[in-house]
């Protein structure tokens, strides 16, 4: 993403890093089905201005601290289950058609 952004002036790449970091962290990843920002903070900002005050349009911002913690814990559990499902599916797809080989003592492998 950085390479695409620095086409015109390569010397200003460090000024673009915060914008690229923000864009990367709010994109939904295929493995988790959530953005990294949502996994950590519980909401996905539309613009960087949403980070200044907490967004009031989200329902969970009105809750007390215990309810927020429970919401984040549930979200982390959901993300973990999604990752486990995806890893298991990739493992099954990778092992299709494989023949199990059992080695005996004395075989030269």
C-alpha atoms as a PDB file:
ATOM      1  CA  UNK A   1       0.000   0.000   0.000  1.00  0.00           C
ATOM      2  CA  UNK A   2       2.883   2.338   0.803  1.00  0.00           C
ATOM      3  CA  UNK A   3       4.432   1.740  -2.619  1.00  0.00           C
ATOM      4  CA  UNK A   4       1.216   2.863  -4.316  1.00  0.00           C
ATOM      5  CA  UNK A   5       1.035   6.040  -2.256  1.00  0.00           C
ATOM      6  CA  UNK A   6       4.604   7.297  -2.736  1.00  0.00           C
ATOM      7  CA  UNK A   7       4.629   7.332  -6.535  1.00  0.00           C
ATOM      8  CA  UNK A   8       4.926  11.115  -6.849  1.00  0.00           C
ATOM      9  CA  UNK A   9       7.335  12.030  -4.071  1.00  0.00           C
ATOM     10  CA  UNK A  10       9.351   9.245  -2.504  1.00  0.00           C
ATOM     11  CA  UNK A  11      10.899  11.534   0.125  1.00  0.00           C
ATOM     12  CA  UNK A  12       7.615  12.097   1.962  1.00  0.00           C
ATOM     13  CA  UNK A  13       6.803   8.457   2.747  1.00  0.00           C
ATOM     14  CA  UNK A  14       7.028   8.915   6.527  1.00  0.00           C
ATOM     15  CA  UNK A  15       4.243  11.508   6.388  1.00  0.00           C
ATOM     16  CA  UNK A  16       1.943   8.936   4.796  1.00  0.00           C
ATOM     17  CA  UNK A  17       2.548   6.178   7.359  1.00  0.00           C
ATOM     18  CA  UNK A  18      -0.192   7.227   9.830  1.00  0.00           C
ATOM     19  CA  UNK A  19      -2.779   7.344   7.035  1.00  0.00           C
ATOM     20  CA  UNK A  20      -1.740   3.969   5.643  1.00  0.00           C
ATOM     21  CA  UNK A  21      -1.689   2.469   9.132  1.00  0.00           C
ATOM     22  CA  UNK A  22      -5.216   3.764   9.765  1.00  0.00           C
ATOM     23  CA  UNK A  23      -6.455   2.396   6.424  1.00  0.00           C
ATOM     24  CA  UNK A  24      -4.892  -1.018   7.071  1.00  0.00           C
ATOM     25  CA  UNK A  25      -6.296  -1.288  10.591  1.00  0.00           C
ATOM     26  CA  UNK A  26      -9.880  -0.545   9.562  1.00  0.00           C
ATOM     27  CA  UNK A  27     -10.066  -3.064   6.687  1.00  0.00           C
ATOM     28  CA  UNK A  28     -11.919  -6.298   7.457  1.00  0.00           C
ATOM     29  CA  UNK A  29      -9.521  -9.256   7.331  1.00  0.00           C
ATOM     30  CA  UNK A  30     -10.657 -12.524   5.813  1.00  0.00           C
ATOM     31  CA  UNK A  31      -9.261 -14.632   8.654  1.00  0.00           C
ATOM     32  CA  UNK A  32     -11.018 -12.850  11.522  1.00  0.00           C
ATOM     33  CA  UNK A  33     -14.023 -11.401   9.655  1.00  0.00           C
ATOM     34  CA  UNK A  34     -13.334  -8.165  11.569  1.00  0.00           C
ATOM     35  CA  UNK A  35     -10.932  -5.269  11.260  1.00  0.00           C
ATOM     36  CA  UNK A  36      -7.965  -5.113  13.681  1.00  0.00           C
ATOM     37  CA  UNK A  37      -9.392  -1.865  15.059  1.00  0.00           C
ATOM     38  CA  UNK A  38     -12.730  -3.489  15.876  1.00  0.00           C
ATOM     39  CA  UNK A  39     -11.029  -6.467  17.527  1.00  0.00           C
ATOM     40  CA  UNK A  40      -9.077  -4.174  19.848  1.00  0.00           C
ATOM     41  CA  UNK A  41     -11.499  -1.316  20.520  1.00  0.00           C
ATOM     42  CA  UNK A  42     -14.928  -2.757  19.697  1.00  0.00           C
ATOM     43  CA  UNK A  43     -15.848  -0.356  16.877  1.00  0.00           C
ATOM     44  CA  UNK A  44     -14.635   0.469  13.391  1.00  0.00           C
ATOM     45  CA  UNK A  45     -14.067   4.209  12.786  1.00  0.00           C
ATOM     46  CA  UNK A  46     -15.133   5.750   9.486  1.00  0.00           C
ATOM     47  CA  UNK A  47     -12.483   8.481   9.529  1.00  0.00           C
ATOM     48  CA  UNK A  48      -9.569   9.384  11.738  1.00  0.00           C
ATOM     49  CA  UNK A  49     -11.768  12.103  13.260  1.00  0.00           C
ATOM     50  CA  UNK A  50     -13.839   9.352  14.867  1.00  0.00           C
ATOM     51  CA  UNK A  51     -10.856   8.578  17.078  1.00  0.00           C
ATOM     52  CA  UNK A  52     -10.860  11.920  18.883  1.00  0.00           C
ATOM     53  CA  UNK A  53     -13.968  11.417  21.038  1.00  0.00           C
ATOM     54  CA  UNK A  54     -15.532   7.997  21.375  1.00  0.00           C
ATOM     55  CA  UNK A  55     -18.295   7.635  18.801  1.00  0.00           C
ATOM     56  CA  UNK A  56     -21.666   8.228  20.409  1.00  0.00           C
ATOM     57  CA  UNK A  57     -23.571   6.524  17.602  1.00  0.00           C
ATOM     58  CA  UNK A  58     -22.376   3.115  18.808  1.00  0.00           C
ATOM     59  CA  UNK A  59     -24.790   1.488  21.240  1.00  0.00           C
ATOM     60  CA  UNK A  60     -22.105   0.069  23.512  1.00  0.00           C
ATOM     61  CA  UNK A  61     -20.538   3.437  24.381  1.00  0.00           C
ATOM     62  CA  UNK A  62     -23.416   4.190  26.749  1.00  0.00           C
ATOM     63  CA  UNK A  63     -22.804   1.092  28.800  1.00  0.00           C
ATOM     64  CA  UNK A  64     -20.812   0.864  31.988  1.00  0.00           C
ATOM     65  CA  UNK A  65     -17.226  -0.422  32.079  1.00  0.00           C
ATOM     66  CA  UNK A  66     -18.191  -3.978  32.989  1.00  0.00           C
ATOM     67  CA  UNK A  67     -20.555  -4.270  30.016  1.00  0.00           C
ATOM     68  CA  UNK A  68     -17.878  -2.857  27.684  1.00  0.00           C
ATOM     69  CA  UNK A  69     -15.366  -5.406  28.954  1.00  0.00           C
ATOM     70  CA  UNK A  70     -17.891  -8.218  28.422  1.00  0.00           C
ATOM     71  CA  UNK A  71     -18.574  -6.954  24.885  1.00  0.00           C
ATOM     72  CA  UNK A  72     -14.857  -6.950  24.026  1.00  0.00           C
ATOM     73  CA  UNK A  73     -14.362 -10.407  25.583  1.00  0.00           C
ATOM     74  CA  UNK A  74     -17.258 -11.803  23.532  1.00  0.00           C
ATOM     75  CA  UNK A  75     -15.831 -10.189  20.410  1.00  0.00           C
ATOM     76  CA  UNK A  76     -12.393 -11.726  21.074  1.00  0.00           C
ATOM     77  CA  UNK A  77     -13.995 -15.137  21.618  1.00  0.00           C
ATOM     78  CA  UNK A  78     -15.898 -14.802  18.338  1.00  0.00           C
ATOM     79  CA  UNK A  79     -12.709 -13.814  16.489  1.00  0.00           C
ATOM     80  CA  UNK A  80     -10.804 -16.771  18.017  1.00  0.00           C
ATOM     81  CA  UNK A  81     -13.539 -19.191  16.944  1.00  0.00           C
ATOM     82  CA  UNK A  82     -13.515 -17.738  13.421  1.00  0.00           C
ATOM     83  CA  UNK A  83      -9.728 -18.098  13.174  1.00  0.00           C
ATOM     84  CA  UNK A  84      -9.895 -21.690  14.462  1.00  0.00           C
ATOM     85  CA  UNK A  85     -12.586 -22.537  11.882  1.00  0.00           C
ATOM     86  CA  UNK A  86     -10.553 -21.024   9.044  1.00  0.00           C
ATOM     87  CA  UNK A  87      -7.350 -22.811  10.120  1.00  0.00           C
ATOM     88  CA  UNK A  88      -9.185 -26.140  10.324  1.00  0.00           C
ATOM     89  CA  UNK A  89     -10.654 -25.626   6.846  1.00  0.00           C
ATOM     90  CA  UNK A  90      -7.250 -24.728   5.401  1.00  0.00           C
ATOM     91  CA  UNK A  91      -5.780 -27.804   7.053  1.00  0.00           C
ATOM     92  CA  UNK A  92      -8.504 -30.035   5.595  1.00  0.00           C
ATOM     93  CA  UNK A  93      -8.065 -28.500   2.126  1.00  0.00           C
ATOM     94  CA  UNK A  94      -4.297 -28.961   2.310  1.00  0.00           C
ATOM     95  CA  UNK A  95      -4.589 -32.605   3.358  1.00  0.00           C
ATOM     96  CA  UNK A  96      -7.079 -33.640   0.648  1.00  0.00           C
ATOM     97  CA  UNK A  97      -5.781 -36.569  -1.353  1.00  0.00           C
ATOM     98  CA  UNK A  98      -2.803 -37.146   0.914  1.00  0.00           C
ATOM     99  CA  UNK A  99      -1.787 -40.667   1.591  1.00  0.00           C
ATOM    100  CA  UNK A 100      -0.840 -41.489   5.175  1.00  0.00           C
ATOM    101  CA  UNK A 101       2.662 -42.917   5.360  1.00  0.00           C
ATOM    102  CA  UNK A 102       3.691 -44.891   8.430  1.00  0.00           C
ATOM    103  CA  UNK A 103       7.402 -45.389   8.942  1.00  0.00           C
ATOM    104  CA  UNK A 104       8.766 -48.441  10.676  1.00  0.00           C
ATOM    105  CA  UNK A 105      11.971 -48.649  12.672  1.00  0.00           C
ATOM    106  CA  UNK A 106      14.870 -49.375  10.381  1.00  0.00           C
ATOM    107  CA  UNK A 107      13.475 -47.542   7.323  1.00  0.00           C
ATOM    108  CA  UNK A 108      15.892 -45.200   5.642  1.00  0.00           C
ATOM    109  CA  UNK A 109      14.041 -41.959   5.248  1.00  0.00           C
END
